Amino acid sequence: MLKSSCFSEYDTLKKVILCSPTYMTIREPINENQKQFLKENIDTELAIKQHQQLVQALEENGVEVPLLTPSEKSSC
């Protein structure tokens, strides 16, 4: 069981759980911004590259980054 807590929005980030955007897509727009990009949708290759850069930057700054396994069936 995962236990999470946050004591201050100003405290040092020590751990963040992320999931690769492997299956990220706009299926049903939930806001006006998504409606604008529905036709063009998400550049998954670019999103994955940006995600990898984010993970690297976090780890280089001492943040532990457990990665969830992406699934087509989840909205992760």
C-alpha atoms as a PDB file:
ATOM      1  CA  MET A   1       0.000   0.000   0.000  1.00  0.00           C
ATOM      2  CA  LEU A   2       1.361   3.395  -1.000  1.00  0.00           C
ATOM      3  CA  LYS A   3       1.372   6.036   1.672  1.00  0.00           C
ATOM      4  CA  SER A   4       1.720   9.618   0.604  1.00  0.00           C
ATOM      5  CA  SER A   5       1.999  12.826   2.523  1.00  0.00           C
ATOM      6  CA  CYS A   6       2.762  16.461   1.963  1.00  0.00           C
ATOM      7  CA  PHE A   7       3.672  18.737   4.817  1.00  0.00           C
ATOM      8  CA  SER A   8       4.595  21.880   2.923  1.00  0.00           C
ATOM      9  CA  GLU A   9       4.473  23.093  -0.645  1.00  0.00           C
ATOM     10  CA  TYR A  10       7.890  24.636   0.012  1.00  0.00           C
ATOM     11  CA  ASP A  11       9.667  21.528   1.312  1.00  0.00           C
ATOM     12  CA  THR A  12      12.335  19.740  -0.730  1.00  0.00           C
ATOM     13  CA  LEU A  13      10.937  17.327  -3.313  1.00  0.00           C
ATOM     14  CA  LYS A  14      12.316  13.903  -2.442  1.00  0.00           C
ATOM     15  CA  LYS A  15      10.172  11.457  -4.395  1.00  0.00           C
ATOM     16  CA  VAL A  16       7.662  11.679  -7.232  1.00  0.00           C
ATOM     17  CA  ILE A  17       5.840   8.821  -8.954  1.00  0.00           C
ATOM     18  CA  LEU A  18       5.523   9.209 -12.724  1.00  0.00           C
ATOM     19  CA  CYS A  19       4.203   7.247 -15.665  1.00  0.00           C
ATOM     20  CA  SER A  20       5.517   7.435 -19.221  1.00  0.00           C
ATOM     21  CA  PRO A  21       3.099   9.033 -21.719  1.00  0.00           C
ATOM     22  CA  THR A  22       3.371   5.984 -24.003  1.00  0.00           C
ATOM     23  CA  TYR A  23      -0.400   5.774 -24.567  1.00  0.00           C
ATOM     24  CA  MET A  24      -1.224   9.438 -23.957  1.00  0.00           C
ATOM     25  CA  THR A  25      -3.924  10.669 -26.288  1.00  0.00           C
ATOM     26  CA  ILE A  26      -6.920  12.971 -26.261  1.00  0.00           C
ATOM     27  CA  ARG A  27      -9.985  10.757 -26.547  1.00  0.00           C
ATOM     28  CA  GLU A  28     -12.635  13.048 -25.150  1.00  0.00           C
ATOM     29  CA  PRO A  29     -11.630  16.675 -24.640  1.00  0.00           C
ATOM     30  CA  ILE A  30     -12.133  17.814 -21.059  1.00  0.00           C
ATOM     31  CA  ASN A  31     -11.419  21.504 -21.634  1.00  0.00           C
ATOM     32  CA  GLU A  32     -11.150  24.161 -24.347  1.00  0.00           C
ATOM     33  CA  ASN A  33      -7.407  23.641 -24.750  1.00  0.00           C
ATOM     34  CA  GLN A  34      -7.850  19.948 -25.538  1.00  0.00           C
ATOM     35  CA  LYS A  35     -10.630  20.772 -28.008  1.00  0.00           C
ATOM     36  CA  GLN A  36      -8.147  22.891 -29.986  1.00  0.00           C
ATOM     37  CA  PHE A  37      -5.712  19.970 -30.275  1.00  0.00           C
ATOM     38  CA  LEU A  38      -8.187  17.124 -30.795  1.00  0.00           C
ATOM     39  CA  LYS A  39      -7.547  16.825 -34.560  1.00  0.00           C
ATOM     40  CA  GLU A  40      -3.774  17.083 -34.290  1.00  0.00           C
ATOM     41  CA  ASN A  41      -3.739  15.173 -30.959  1.00  0.00           C
ATOM     42  CA  ILE A  42      -0.558  14.503 -28.973  1.00  0.00           C
ATOM     43  CA  ASP A  43       2.879  13.890 -30.458  1.00  0.00           C
ATOM     44  CA  THR A  44       3.588  10.793 -28.366  1.00  0.00           C
ATOM     45  CA  GLU A  45       7.234  10.532 -29.455  1.00  0.00           C
ATOM     46  CA  LEU A  46       7.875  14.119 -28.366  1.00  0.00           C
ATOM     47  CA  ALA A  47       5.959  13.585 -25.111  1.00  0.00           C
ATOM     48  CA  ILE A  48       8.061  10.499 -24.297  1.00  0.00           C
ATOM     49  CA  LYS A  49      11.295  12.404 -25.028  1.00  0.00           C
ATOM     50  CA  GLN A  50      10.195  15.303 -22.813  1.00  0.00           C
ATOM     51  CA  HIS A  51       9.155  12.862 -20.073  1.00  0.00           C
ATOM     52  CA  GLN A  52      12.594  11.200 -20.163  1.00  0.00           C
ATOM     53  CA  GLN A  53      14.243  14.624 -19.875  1.00  0.00           C
ATOM     54  CA  LEU A  54      12.038  15.449 -16.875  1.00  0.00           C
ATOM     55  CA  VAL A  55      12.912  12.158 -15.142  1.00  0.00           C
ATOM     56  CA  GLN A  56      16.617  12.762 -15.809  1.00  0.00           C
ATOM     57  CA  ALA A  57      16.476  16.315 -14.447  1.00  0.00           C
ATOM     58  CA  LEU A  58      14.648  15.185 -11.313  1.00  0.00           C
ATOM     59  CA  GLU A  59      17.105  12.344 -10.680  1.00  0.00           C
ATOM     60  CA  GLU A  60      20.108  14.632 -11.281  1.00  0.00           C
ATOM     61  CA  ASN A  61      18.717  16.816  -8.498  1.00  0.00           C
ATOM     62  CA  GLY A  62      18.400  13.965  -6.021  1.00  0.00           C
ATOM     63  CA  VAL A  63      14.726  13.177  -6.487  1.00  0.00           C
ATOM     64  CA  GLU A  64      13.716   9.509  -6.388  1.00  0.00           C
ATOM     65  CA  VAL A  65      11.491   8.757  -9.405  1.00  0.00           C
ATOM     66  CA  PRO A  66       9.644   5.420  -9.302  1.00  0.00           C
ATOM     67  CA  LEU A  67       8.019   4.785 -12.684  1.00  0.00           C
ATOM     68  CA  LEU A  68       4.628   3.167 -13.114  1.00  0.00           C
ATOM     69  CA  THR A  69       4.203   0.814 -16.052  1.00  0.00           C
ATOM     70  CA  PRO A  70       1.998   2.449 -18.696  1.00  0.00           C
ATOM     71  CA  SER A  71      -1.098   0.575 -19.797  1.00  0.00           C
ATOM     72  CA  GLU A  72      -3.416   1.147 -22.738  1.00  0.00           C
ATOM     73  CA  LYS A  73      -6.355   0.472 -20.421  1.00  0.00           C
ATOM     74  CA  SER A  74      -5.480   3.083 -17.805  1.00  0.00           C
ATOM     75  CA  SER A  75      -5.372   6.842 -18.002  1.00  0.00           C
ATOM     76  CA  CYS A  76      -1.856   6.846 -16.560  1.00  0.00           C
END
